[in-house]
Amino acid sequence: MLLSMRWSLLLFIAMVVSGVLVATLVQPVSPVVAAPRALAEAVEEIPVIESPELQPDASNFPEGRFDSSSTGPLNEAAGRALGNPPLRTVPLDLDGFDRETADVASRSEFETTYRLDGGTRVSELSLVPLNVRTSDGNWTEVSTKVTSRNDGRWGGPRVIR
């Protein structure tokens, strides 16, 4: 009996507190009153400031092509000064190219460079990682192959960390 009175008292207190909270949180909603028409008509529009169209002075522009694909003498000289051979864009016949058997010249996370016959190099670039660094600091190709392991679980040959 004592236990049920205690629960009854706790229930009564909970109901009173809930009622007080609901009564204090609920507020009447008043309708929104629009601004008087005289105030709305009194607003002035700010005029657009006109400015003369600017014409660039072409006499100050240097002449020539200055993008990264330019093979001009200045770009070649800068490349030699930095120890980089000049880059030339030449059409290549890559029909017989097989990346599985090609000689890999270098790797980084987003690039793999292959060495072709005659010293030509072809680079594969990607927005997603192509290679992963191994524990010895070298780069190896990312493998997504899934195979069955000896312990009955499935997994890949390399773990990417």
Protein backbone atom coordinates (compact mmCIF):
# COMPACT_ATOMS: atom_id res chain seq x y z
CA MET A 1 0.00 0.00 0.00
CA LEU A 2 2.85 2.36 0.89
CA LEU A 3 4.50 1.63 -2.42
CA SER A 4 1.36 2.35 -4.44
CA MET A 5 0.85 5.67 -2.60
CA ARG A 6 4.41 6.64 -3.39
CA TRP A 7 3.86 5.86 -7.09
CA SER A 8 0.56 7.71 -7.06
CA LEU A 9 2.27 10.78 -5.58
CA LEU A 10 5.08 10.60 -8.20
CA LEU A 11 2.49 10.24 -10.97
CA PHE A 12 0.56 13.26 -9.67
CA ILE A 13 3.74 15.38 -9.49
CA ALA A 14 4.72 14.31 -13.02
CA MET A 15 1.30 15.27 -14.36
CA VAL A 16 1.38 18.69 -12.63
CA VAL A 17 4.91 19.43 -13.95
CA SER A 18 3.89 18.32 -17.46
CA GLY A 19 0.80 20.53 -17.35
CA VAL A 20 2.83 23.54 -16.20
CA LEU A 21 5.43 22.98 -18.94
CA VAL A 22 2.78 22.66 -21.65
CA ALA A 23 0.93 25.74 -20.39
CA THR A 24 4.11 27.87 -20.38
CA LEU A 25 5.35 26.67 -23.78
CA VAL A 26 2.11 27.12 -25.68
CA GLN A 27 1.65 30.73 -26.70
CA PRO A 28 -1.23 32.18 -28.68
CA VAL A 29 -0.47 32.97 -32.30
CA SER A 30 -1.30 36.50 -33.32
CA PRO A 31 -2.10 37.32 -36.94
CA VAL A 32 0.54 39.16 -38.95
CA VAL A 33 -0.41 42.70 -39.83
CA ALA A 34 0.87 44.09 -43.11
CA ALA A 35 2.59 47.45 -43.22
CA PRO A 36 0.34 50.36 -44.05
CA ARG A 37 0.08 51.11 -47.77
CA ALA A 38 1.55 54.60 -47.27
CA LEU A 39 4.80 53.10 -45.90
CA ALA A 40 5.05 50.58 -48.73
CA GLU A 41 4.62 53.28 -51.37
CA ALA A 42 7.20 55.57 -49.72
CA VAL A 43 10.10 53.23 -50.47
CA GLU A 44 12.25 54.57 -53.28
CA GLU A 45 14.22 52.46 -55.69
CA ILE A 46 17.92 53.18 -55.89
CA PRO A 47 18.97 53.82 -59.49
CA VAL A 48 21.63 51.68 -61.11
CA ILE A 49 24.96 53.48 -61.46
CA GLU A 50 26.05 53.37 -65.06
CA SER A 51 29.74 52.95 -65.76
CA PRO A 52 31.57 53.11 -69.07
CA GLU A 53 32.70 49.84 -70.61
CA LEU A 54 36.44 49.35 -70.14
CA GLN A 55 38.57 48.50 -73.12
CA PRO A 56 41.88 46.76 -72.32
CA ASP A 57 45.01 48.40 -73.68
CA ALA A 58 46.36 45.73 -76.04
CA SER A 59 49.71 47.50 -76.40
CA ASN A 60 50.78 46.19 -72.96
CA PHE A 61 50.05 42.52 -73.71
CA PRO A 62 53.01 40.25 -74.48
CA GLU A 63 52.83 38.22 -77.65
CA GLY A 64 53.04 34.44 -77.88
CA ARG A 65 51.59 31.34 -76.29
CA PHE A 66 52.15 31.01 -72.56
CA ASP A 67 50.19 27.91 -71.56
CA SER A 68 51.80 24.72 -70.27
CA SER A 69 51.49 22.93 -73.63
CA SER A 70 53.71 25.49 -75.35
CA THR A 71 56.97 24.03 -76.63
CA GLY A 72 58.58 27.38 -77.32
CA PRO A 73 62.25 28.07 -76.65
CA LEU A 74 61.56 29.87 -73.36
CA ASN A 75 59.69 26.90 -71.90
CA GLU A 76 62.38 24.48 -73.10
CA ALA A 77 65.16 26.67 -71.68
CA ALA A 78 63.37 26.90 -68.32
CA GLY A 79 62.93 23.12 -68.30
CA ARG A 80 66.62 22.53 -69.02
CA ALA A 81 67.60 25.03 -66.30
CA LEU A 82 65.46 23.10 -63.81
CA GLY A 83 66.85 19.77 -64.97
CA ASN A 84 63.63 18.71 -66.70
CA PRO A 85 63.66 17.55 -70.29
CA PRO A 86 61.32 19.50 -72.59
CA LEU A 87 57.82 18.08 -72.79
CA ARG A 88 56.42 17.64 -76.26
CA THR A 89 52.97 16.50 -77.19
CA VAL A 90 53.28 13.99 -80.01
CA PRO A 91 50.68 11.57 -81.28
CA LEU A 92 51.42 8.05 -80.06
CA ASP A 93 50.11 4.77 -81.36
CA LEU A 94 49.06 3.01 -78.15
CA ASP A 95 47.08 0.22 -79.80
CA GLY A 96 49.67 -2.41 -78.79
CA PHE A 97 50.20 -0.94 -75.31
CA ASP A 98 49.45 -3.38 -72.48
CA ARG A 99 49.78 -1.83 -69.03
CA GLU A 100 50.05 -5.28 -67.41
CA THR A 101 53.29 -6.09 -69.25
CA ALA A 102 54.67 -2.55 -69.72
CA ASP A 103 57.84 -1.43 -67.95
CA VAL A 104 56.91 0.86 -65.03
CA ALA A 105 59.27 3.85 -64.82
CA SER A 106 57.80 5.46 -61.69
CA ARG A 107 54.74 5.50 -59.45
CA SER A 108 53.08 7.94 -57.09
CA GLU A 109 49.69 7.87 -55.44
CA PHE A 110 47.78 9.31 -58.43
CA GLU A 111 50.19 8.58 -61.32
CA THR A 112 51.89 5.62 -62.97
CA THR A 113 54.49 6.31 -65.66
CA TYR A 114 55.39 3.59 -68.16
CA ARG A 115 58.59 3.44 -70.24
CA LEU A 116 58.00 2.60 -73.91
CA ASP A 117 60.46 1.62 -76.63
CA GLY A 118 62.72 4.46 -77.73
CA GLY A 119 62.68 6.18 -74.32
CA THR A 120 59.16 7.56 -74.67
CA ARG A 121 57.17 7.69 -71.45
CA VAL A 122 53.40 7.48 -71.01
CA SER A 123 51.76 8.55 -67.77
CA GLU A 124 48.43 7.37 -66.44
CA LEU A 125 46.85 10.03 -64.19
CA SER A 126 43.78 9.60 -62.01
CA LEU A 127 41.63 11.55 -59.56
CA VAL A 128 41.43 8.43 -57.38
CA PRO A 129 44.51 6.66 -56.02
CA LEU A 130 46.17 4.28 -58.49
CA ASN A 131 48.94 3.15 -56.16
CA VAL A 132 49.44 2.55 -52.46
CA ARG A 133 52.63 2.94 -50.43
CA THR A 134 53.93 -0.31 -49.00
CA SER A 135 55.60 -0.74 -45.63
CA ASP A 136 59.06 -0.46 -47.25
CA GLY A 137 58.18 2.96 -48.75
CA ASN A 138 57.72 1.85 -52.36
CA TRP A 139 54.54 2.28 -54.39
CA THR A 140 52.53 -0.67 -55.67
CA GLU A 141 49.36 -0.89 -57.73
CA VAL A 142 46.07 -0.83 -55.81
CA SER A 143 44.39 -4.21 -56.09
CA THR A 144 40.63 -4.61 -55.72
CA LYS A 145 40.65 -8.36 -56.30
CA VAL A 146 38.86 -10.41 -53.65
CA THR A 147 40.00 -13.98 -53.04
CA SER A 148 39.30 -16.75 -50.58
CA ARG A 149 41.91 -17.06 -47.84
CA ASN A 150 43.19 -20.20 -46.12
CA ASP A 151 41.21 -19.42 -42.94
CA GLY A 152 37.90 -19.39 -44.86
CA ARG A 153 37.53 -15.61 -44.94
CA TRP A 154 37.48 -13.40 -48.02
CA GLY A 155 39.93 -10.58 -48.59
CA GLY A 156 42.34 -8.83 -50.90
CA PRO A 157 46.03 -9.49 -51.42
CA ARG A 158 47.06 -6.11 -49.98
CA VAL A 159 45.69 -4.03 -47.14
CA ILE A 160 45.38 -0.29 -47.74
CA ARG A 161 46.02 1.72 -44.60
